[in-house]
């Protein structure tokens, strides 16, 4: 079995994990990685069928970001 090492952003996260001795954090990490790989595989499949160019995708992203920003401003966020 392969071994990986994870870095914690701060000691408090590790301390919280240590309080929950019953948790198998390796299993949690494995499952999270498995799920992310499955999500990325779906995205790859969608992207492979897409006729959008990178330029098109960036433009759509800009429009979405601009729309969300406007909505947040209107709602006072």
PDB file of N, CA and C in Angstrom:
ATOM      1  N   UNK A   1       0.847  -1.168   0.000  1.00  0.00           N
ATOM      2  CA  UNK A   1       0.000   0.000   0.000  1.00  0.00           C
ATOM      3  C   UNK A   1       0.896   1.236   0.000  1.00  0.00           C
ATOM      4  N   UNK A   2       0.522   2.233  -0.790  1.00  0.00           N
ATOM      5  CA  UNK A   2       1.265   3.483  -0.831  1.00  0.00           C
ATOM      6  C   UNK A   2       1.002   4.287   0.433  1.00  0.00           C
ATOM      7  N   UNK A   3       1.969   5.092   0.815  1.00  0.00           N
ATOM      8  CA  UNK A   3       1.847   5.941   1.996  1.00  0.00           C
ATOM      9  C   UNK A   3       1.958   7.388   1.543  1.00  0.00           C
ATOM     10  N   UNK A   4       1.050   8.244   2.052  1.00  0.00           N
ATOM     11  CA  UNK A   4       1.150   9.670   1.783  1.00  0.00           C
ATOM     12  C   UNK A   4       1.220  10.410   3.112  1.00  0.00           C
ATOM     13  N   UNK A   5       1.781  11.592   3.088  1.00  0.00           N
ATOM     14  CA  UNK A   5       1.878  12.435   4.277  1.00  0.00           C
ATOM     15  C   UNK A   5       1.084  13.702   4.009  1.00  0.00           C
ATOM     16  N   UNK A   6       0.249  14.091   4.964  1.00  0.00           N
ATOM     17  CA  UNK A   6      -0.547  15.311   4.837  1.00  0.00           C
ATOM     18  C   UNK A   6      -0.021  16.359   5.798  1.00  0.00           C
ATOM     19  N   UNK A   7      -0.018  17.592   5.354  1.00  0.00           N
ATOM     20  CA  UNK A   7       0.359  18.704   6.230  1.00  0.00           C
ATOM     21  C   UNK A   7      -0.905  19.376   6.731  1.00  0.00           C
ATOM     22  N   UNK A   8      -0.948  19.678   8.011  1.00  0.00           N
ATOM     23  CA  UNK A   8      -2.077  20.365   8.618  1.00  0.00           C
ATOM     24  C   UNK A   8      -1.780  21.860   8.608  1.00  0.00           C
ATOM     25  N   UNK A   9      -2.779  22.692   8.302  1.00  0.00           N
ATOM     26  CA  UNK A   9      -2.529  24.133   8.247  1.00  0.00           C
ATOM     27  C   UNK A   9      -2.176  24.737   9.606  1.00  0.00           C
ATOM     28  N   UNK A  10      -2.637  24.115  10.663  1.00  0.00           N
ATOM     29  CA  UNK A  10      -2.294  24.605  12.001  1.00  0.00           C
ATOM     30  C   UNK A  10      -2.467  23.483  13.012  1.00  0.00           C
ATOM     31  N   UNK A  11      -1.924  23.709  14.188  1.00  0.00           N
ATOM     32  CA  UNK A  11      -1.978  22.681  15.232  1.00  0.00           C
ATOM     33  C   UNK A  11      -3.386  22.445  15.760  1.00  0.00           C
ATOM     34  N   UNK A  12      -4.261  23.447  15.664  1.00  0.00           N
ATOM     35  CA  UNK A  12      -5.600  23.291  16.228  1.00  0.00           C
ATOM     36  C   UNK A  12      -6.407  22.230  15.473  1.00  0.00           C
ATOM     37  N   UNK A  13      -6.208  22.117  14.171  1.00  0.00           N
ATOM     38  CA  UNK A  13      -6.918  21.090  13.413  1.00  0.00           C
ATOM     39  C   UNK A  13      -6.475  19.701  13.858  1.00  0.00           C
ATOM     40  N   UNK A  14      -5.179  19.521  14.015  1.00  0.00           N
ATOM     41  CA  UNK A  14      -4.653  18.241  14.491  1.00  0.00           C
ATOM     42  C   UNK A  14      -5.156  17.947  15.897  1.00  0.00           C
ATOM     43  N   UNK A  15      -5.238  18.965  16.741  1.00  0.00           N
ATOM     44  CA  UNK A  15      -5.729  18.776  18.109  1.00  0.00           C
ATOM     45  C   UNK A  15      -7.185  18.321  18.095  1.00  0.00           C
ATOM     46  N   UNK A  16      -7.981  18.907  17.216  1.00  0.00           N
ATOM     47  CA  UNK A  16      -9.391  18.497  17.090  1.00  0.00           C
ATOM     48  C   UNK A  16      -9.486  17.054  16.609  1.00  0.00           C
ATOM     49  N   UNK A  17      -8.640  16.692  15.665  1.00  0.00           N
ATOM     50  CA  UNK A  17      -8.632  15.300  15.184  1.00  0.00           C
ATOM     51  C   UNK A  17      -8.261  14.348  16.316  1.00  0.00           C
ATOM     52  N   UNK A  18      -7.277  14.739  17.121  1.00  0.00           N
ATOM     53  CA  UNK A  18      -6.823  13.882  18.220  1.00  0.00           C
ATOM     54  C   UNK A  18      -7.909  13.654  19.258  1.00  0.00           C
ATOM     55  N   UNK A  19      -8.823  14.613  19.412  1.00  0.00           N
ATOM     56  CA  UNK A  19      -9.923  14.458  20.370  1.00  0.00           C
ATOM     57  C   UNK A  19     -10.876  13.345  19.943  1.00  0.00           C
ATOM     58  N   UNK A  20     -10.886  13.045  18.678  1.00  0.00           N
ATOM     59  CA  UNK A  20     -11.815  12.045  18.137  1.00  0.00           C
ATOM     60  C   UNK A  20     -11.046  10.772  17.812  1.00  0.00           C
ATOM     61  N   UNK A  21     -10.577  10.128  18.852  1.00  0.00           N
ATOM     62  CA  UNK A  21      -9.739   8.941  18.706  1.00  0.00           C
ATOM     63  C   UNK A  21     -10.427   7.810  17.950  1.00  0.00           C
ATOM     64  N   UNK A  22     -11.740   7.789  18.006  1.00  0.00           N
ATOM     65  CA  UNK A  22     -12.505   6.720  17.376  1.00  0.00           C
ATOM     66  C   UNK A  22     -12.499   6.808  15.849  1.00  0.00           C
ATOM     67  N   UNK A  23     -12.137   7.970  15.305  1.00  0.00           N
ATOM     68  CA  UNK A  23     -12.170   8.156  13.852  1.00  0.00           C
ATOM     69  C   UNK A  23     -10.937   7.558  13.206  1.00  0.00           C
ATOM     70  N   UNK A  24     -11.149   6.909  12.088  1.00  0.00           N
ATOM     71  CA  UNK A  24     -10.045   6.408  11.282  1.00  0.00           C
ATOM     72  C   UNK A  24      -9.778   7.477  10.218  1.00  0.00           C
ATOM     73  N   UNK A  25      -8.891   8.422  10.532  1.00  0.00           N
ATOM     74  CA  UNK A  25      -8.659   9.556   9.644  1.00  0.00           C
ATOM     75  C   UNK A  25      -8.052   9.126   8.314  1.00  0.00           C
ATOM     76  N   UNK A  26      -7.325   8.032   8.299  1.00  0.00           N
ATOM     77  CA  UNK A  26      -6.795   7.525   7.027  1.00  0.00           C
ATOM     78  C   UNK A  26      -7.937   7.108   6.109  1.00  0.00           C
ATOM     79  N   UNK A  27      -8.942   6.455   6.683  1.00  0.00           N
ATOM     80  CA  UNK A  27     -10.099   6.044   5.890  1.00  0.00           C
ATOM     81  C   UNK A  27     -10.873   7.262   5.383  1.00  0.00           C
ATOM     82  N   UNK A  28     -10.987   8.280   6.239  1.00  0.00           N
ATOM     83  CA  UNK A  28     -11.676   9.514   5.842  1.00  0.00           C
ATOM     84  C   UNK A  28     -10.938  10.149   4.670  1.00  0.00           C
ATOM     85  N   UNK A  29      -9.624  10.241   4.768  1.00  0.00           N
ATOM     86  CA  UNK A  29      -8.826  10.842   3.692  1.00  0.00           C
ATOM     87  C   UNK A  29      -8.933  10.020   2.414  1.00  0.00           C
ATOM     88  N   UNK A  30      -8.846   8.679   2.541  1.00  0.00           N
ATOM     89  CA  UNK A  30      -8.971   7.823   1.346  1.00  0.00           C
ATOM     90  C   UNK A  30     -10.295   8.047   0.650  1.00  0.00           C
ATOM     91  N   UNK A  31     -11.378   8.103   1.419  1.00  0.00           N
ATOM     92  CA  UNK A  31     -12.703   8.288   0.825  1.00  0.00           C
ATOM     93  C   UNK A  31     -12.824   9.656   0.167  1.00  0.00           C
ATOM     94  N   UNK A  32     -12.294  10.680   0.807  1.00  0.00           N
ATOM     95  CA  UNK A  32     -12.342  12.030   0.226  1.00  0.00           C
ATOM     96  C   UNK A  32     -11.573  12.078  -1.094  1.00  0.00           C
ATOM     97  N   UNK A  33     -10.422  11.423  -1.133  1.00  0.00           N
ATOM     98  CA  UNK A  33      -9.630  11.377  -2.369  1.00  0.00           C
ATOM     99  C   UNK A  33     -10.370  10.600  -3.443  1.00  0.00           C
ATOM    100  N   UNK A  34     -10.963   9.468  -3.055  1.00  0.00           N
ATOM    101  CA  UNK A  34     -11.745   8.661  -4.006  1.00  0.00           C
ATOM    102  C   UNK A  34     -12.894   9.484  -4.607  1.00  0.00           C
ATOM    103  N   UNK A  35     -13.615  10.207  -3.748  1.00  0.00           N
ATOM    104  CA  UNK A  35     -14.742  11.024  -4.218  1.00  0.00           C
ATOM    105  C   UNK A  35     -14.270  12.126  -5.163  1.00  0.00           C
ATOM    106  N   UNK A  36     -13.161  12.778  -4.818  1.00  0.00           N
ATOM    107  CA  UNK A  36     -12.661  13.857  -5.676  1.00  0.00           C
ATOM    108  C   UNK A  36     -12.229  13.312  -7.033  1.00  0.00           C
ATOM    109  N   UNK A  37     -11.602  12.150  -7.050  1.00  0.00           N
ATOM    110  CA  UNK A  37     -11.200  11.530  -8.314  1.00  0.00           C
ATOM    111  C   UNK A  37     -12.429  11.225  -9.161  1.00  0.00           C
ATOM    112  N   UNK A  38     -13.492  10.729  -8.539  1.00  0.00           N
ATOM    113  CA  UNK A  38     -14.733  10.441  -9.274  1.00  0.00           C
ATOM    114  C   UNK A  38     -15.329  11.725  -9.839  1.00  0.00           C
ATOM    115  N   UNK A  39     -15.323  12.800  -9.049  1.00  0.00           N
ATOM    116  CA  UNK A  39     -15.843  14.082  -9.529  1.00  0.00           C
ATOM    117  C   UNK A  39     -15.029  14.585 -10.722  1.00  0.00           C
ATOM    118  N   UNK A  40     -13.719  14.489 -10.620  1.00  0.00           N
ATOM    119  CA  UNK A  40     -12.864  14.947 -11.704  1.00  0.00           C
ATOM    120  C   UNK A  40     -13.032  14.103 -12.957  1.00  0.00           C
ATOM    121  N   UNK A  41     -13.277  12.814 -12.786  1.00  0.00           N
ATOM    122  CA  UNK A  41     -13.514  11.948 -13.939  1.00  0.00           C
ATOM    123  C   UNK A  41     -14.779  12.376 -14.676  1.00  0.00           C
ATOM    124  N   UNK A  42     -15.823  12.731 -13.923  1.00  0.00           N
ATOM    125  CA  UNK A  42     -17.063  13.217 -14.541  1.00  0.00           C
ATOM    126  C   UNK A  42     -16.785  14.513 -15.295  1.00  0.00           C
ATOM    127  N   UNK A  43     -16.054  15.425 -14.668  1.00  0.00           N
ATOM    128  CA  UNK A  43     -15.728  16.686 -15.332  1.00  0.00           C
ATOM    129  C   UNK A  43     -14.903  16.454 -16.589  1.00  0.00           C
ATOM    130  N   UNK A  44     -13.965  15.529 -16.541  1.00  0.00           N
ATOM    131  CA  UNK A  44     -13.169  15.205 -17.730  1.00  0.00           C
ATOM    132  C   UNK A  44     -14.050  14.672 -18.854  1.00  0.00           C
ATOM    133  N   UNK A  45     -15.017  13.821 -18.506  1.00  0.00           N
ATOM    134  CA  UNK A  45     -15.918  13.265 -19.503  1.00  0.00           C
ATOM    135  C   UNK A  45     -16.762  14.365 -20.143  1.00  0.00           C
ATOM    136  N   UNK A  46     -17.237  15.284 -19.330  1.00  0.00           N
ATOM    137  CA  UNK A  46     -18.028  16.402 -19.849  1.00  0.00           C
ATOM    138  C   UNK A  46     -17.159  17.277 -20.746  1.00  0.00           C
ATOM    139  N   UNK A  47     -15.957  17.594 -20.269  1.00  0.00           N
ATOM    140  CA  UNK A  47     -15.055  18.465 -21.030  1.00  0.00           C
ATOM    141  C   UNK A  47     -14.654  17.830 -22.358  1.00  0.00           C
ATOM    142  N   UNK A  48     -14.506  16.517 -22.372  1.00  0.00           N
ATOM    143  CA  UNK A  48     -14.105  15.836 -23.603  1.00  0.00           C
ATOM    144  C   UNK A  48     -15.163  15.977 -24.696  1.00  0.00           C
ATOM    145  N   UNK A  49     -16.429  16.107 -24.293  1.00  0.00           N
ATOM    146  CA  UNK A  49     -17.525  16.228 -25.251  1.00  0.00           C
ATOM    147  C   UNK A  49     -17.845  17.682 -25.590  1.00  0.00           C
ATOM    148  N   UNK A  50     -17.248  18.603 -24.849  1.00  0.00           N
ATOM    149  CA  UNK A  50     -17.575  20.009 -25.007  1.00  0.00           C
ATOM    150  C   UNK A  50     -16.952  20.591 -26.264  1.00  0.00           C
ATOM    151  N   UNK A  51     -17.670  21.518 -26.866  1.00  0.00           N
ATOM    152  CA  UNK A  51     -17.154  22.214 -28.033  1.00  0.00           C
ATOM    153  C   UNK A  51     -16.690  23.624 -27.673  1.00  0.00           C
ATOM    154  N   UNK A  52     -16.747  23.952 -26.372  1.00  0.00           N
ATOM    155  CA  UNK A  52     -16.292  25.258 -25.921  1.00  0.00           C
ATOM    156  C   UNK A  52     -14.778  25.348 -25.997  1.00  0.00           C
ATOM    157  N   UNK A  53     -14.295  26.513 -26.371  1.00  0.00           N
ATOM    158  CA  UNK A  53     -12.863  26.752 -26.314  1.00  0.00           C
ATOM    159  C   UNK A  53     -12.520  27.240 -24.913  1.00  0.00           C
ATOM    160  N   UNK A  54     -11.238  27.281 -24.602  1.00  0.00           N
ATOM    161  CA  UNK A  54     -10.830  27.797 -23.300  1.00  0.00           C
ATOM    162  C   UNK A  54     -11.260  29.253 -23.166  1.00  0.00           C
ATOM    163  N   UNK A  55     -11.173  29.999 -24.255  1.00  0.00           N
ATOM    164  CA  UNK A  55     -11.596  31.404 -24.250  1.00  0.00           C
ATOM    165  C   UNK A  55     -13.086  31.513 -23.909  1.00  0.00           C
ATOM    166  N   UNK A  56     -13.910  30.647 -24.520  1.00  0.00           N
ATOM    167  CA  UNK A  56     -15.346  30.636 -24.227  1.00  0.00           C
ATOM    168  C   UNK A  56     -15.602  30.352 -22.750  1.00  0.00           C
ATOM    169  N   UNK A  57     -14.916  29.357 -22.215  1.00  0.00           N
ATOM    170  CA  UNK A  57     -15.103  28.967 -20.814  1.00  0.00           C
ATOM    171  C   UNK A  57     -14.712  30.107 -19.876  1.00  0.00           C
ATOM    172  N   UNK A  58     -13.608  30.799 -20.190  1.00  0.00           N
ATOM    173  CA  UNK A  58     -13.191  31.926 -19.360  1.00  0.00           C
ATOM    174  C   UNK A  58     -14.216  33.051 -19.407  1.00  0.00           C
ATOM    175  N   UNK A  59     -14.774  33.306 -20.564  1.00  0.00           N
ATOM    176  CA  UNK A  59     -15.782  34.356 -20.702  1.00  0.00           C
ATOM    177  C   UNK A  59     -17.042  34.011 -19.914  1.00  0.00           C
ATOM    178  N   UNK A  60     -17.474  32.773 -19.982  1.00  0.00           N
ATOM    179  CA  UNK A  60     -18.638  32.334 -19.199  1.00  0.00           C
ATOM    180  C   UNK A  60     -18.351  32.498 -17.707  1.00  0.00           C
ATOM    181  N   UNK A  61     -17.150  32.107 -17.288  1.00  0.00           N
ATOM    182  CA  UNK A  61     -16.758  32.252 -15.883  1.00  0.00           C
ATOM    183  C   UNK A  61     -16.788  33.700 -15.437  1.00  0.00           C
ATOM    184  N   UNK A  62     -16.300  34.599 -16.280  1.00  0.00           N
ATOM    185  CA  UNK A  62     -16.322  36.037 -15.946  1.00  0.00           C
ATOM    186  C   UNK A  62     -17.755  36.537 -15.789  1.00  0.00           C
ATOM    187  N   UNK A  63     -18.631  36.113 -16.702  1.00  0.00           N
ATOM    188  CA  UNK A  63     -20.027  36.553 -16.641  1.00  0.00           C
ATOM    189  C   UNK A  63     -20.703  36.039 -15.365  1.00  0.00           C
ATOM    190  N   UNK A  64     -20.439  34.804 -15.006  1.00  0.00           N
ATOM    191  CA  UNK A  64     -21.020  34.230 -13.788  1.00  0.00           C
ATOM    192  C   UNK A  64     -20.506  34.987 -12.568  1.00  0.00           C
ATOM    193  N   UNK A  65     -19.189  35.215 -12.509  1.00  0.00           N
ATOM    194  CA  UNK A  65     -18.600  35.917 -11.375  1.00  0.00           C
ATOM    195  C   UNK A  65     -19.181  37.326 -11.259  1.00  0.00           C
ATOM    196  N   UNK A  66     -19.328  38.023 -12.384  1.00  0.00           N
ATOM    197  CA  UNK A  66     -19.877  39.374 -12.381  1.00  0.00           C
ATOM    198  C   UNK A  66     -21.325  39.371 -11.895  1.00  0.00           C
ATOM    199  N   UNK A  67     -22.103  38.396 -12.350  1.00  0.00           N
ATOM    200  CA  UNK A  67     -23.503  38.280 -11.946  1.00  0.00           C
ATOM    201  C   UNK A  67     -23.619  37.991 -10.445  1.00  0.00           C
ATOM    202  N   UNK A  68     -22.784  37.099  -9.945  1.00  0.00           N
ATOM    203  CA  UNK A  68     -22.814  36.769  -8.514  1.00  0.00           C
ATOM    204  C   UNK A  68     -22.407  37.971  -7.681  1.00  0.00           C
ATOM    205  N   UNK A  69     -21.396  38.684  -8.139  1.00  0.00           N
ATOM    206  CA  UNK A  69     -20.946  39.868  -7.419  1.00  0.00           C
ATOM    207  C   UNK A  69     -22.084  40.889  -7.327  1.00  0.00           C
ATOM    208  N   UNK A  70     -22.764  41.102  -8.439  1.00  0.00           N
ATOM    209  CA  UNK A  70     -23.881  42.044  -8.459  1.00  0.00           C
ATOM    210  C   UNK A  70     -24.967  41.601  -7.488  1.00  0.00           C
ATOM    211  N   UNK A  71     -25.300  40.304  -7.486  1.00  0.00           N
ATOM    212  CA  UNK A  71     -26.352  39.790  -6.601  1.00  0.00           C
ATOM    213  C   UNK A  71     -25.947  39.961  -5.132  1.00  0.00           C
ATOM    214  N   UNK A  72     -24.690  39.701  -4.812  1.00  0.00           N
ATOM    215  CA  UNK A  72     -24.236  39.865  -3.431  1.00  0.00           C
ATOM    216  C   UNK A  72     -24.321  41.326  -3.008  1.00  0.00           C
ATOM    217  N   UNK A  73     -23.955  42.232  -3.899  1.00  0.00           N
ATOM    218  CA  UNK A  73     -24.051  43.660  -3.572  1.00  0.00           C
ATOM    219  C   UNK A  73     -25.489  44.072  -3.331  1.00  0.00           C
ATOM    220  N   UNK A  74     -26.397  43.561  -4.159  1.00  0.00           N
ATOM    221  CA  UNK A  74     -27.812  43.908  -4.019  1.00  0.00           C
ATOM    222  C   UNK A  74     -28.396  43.381  -2.719  1.00  0.00           C
ATOM    223  N   UNK A  75     -27.878  42.263  -2.233  1.00  0.00           N
ATOM    224  CA  UNK A  75     -28.367  41.660  -0.998  1.00  0.00           C
ATOM    225  C   UNK A  75     -27.623  42.167   0.230  1.00  0.00           C
ATOM    226  N   UNK A  76     -26.680  43.093   0.034  1.00  0.00           N
ATOM    227  CA  UNK A  76     -25.941  43.657   1.162  1.00  0.00           C
ATOM    228  C   UNK A  76     -24.929  42.735   1.796  1.00  0.00           C
ATOM    229  N   UNK A  77     -24.400  41.814   1.019  1.00  0.00           N
ATOM    230  CA  UNK A  77     -23.397  40.876   1.562  1.00  0.00           C
ATOM    231  C   UNK A  77     -22.050  41.454   1.425  1.00  0.00           C
TER     232      UNK A  77
END
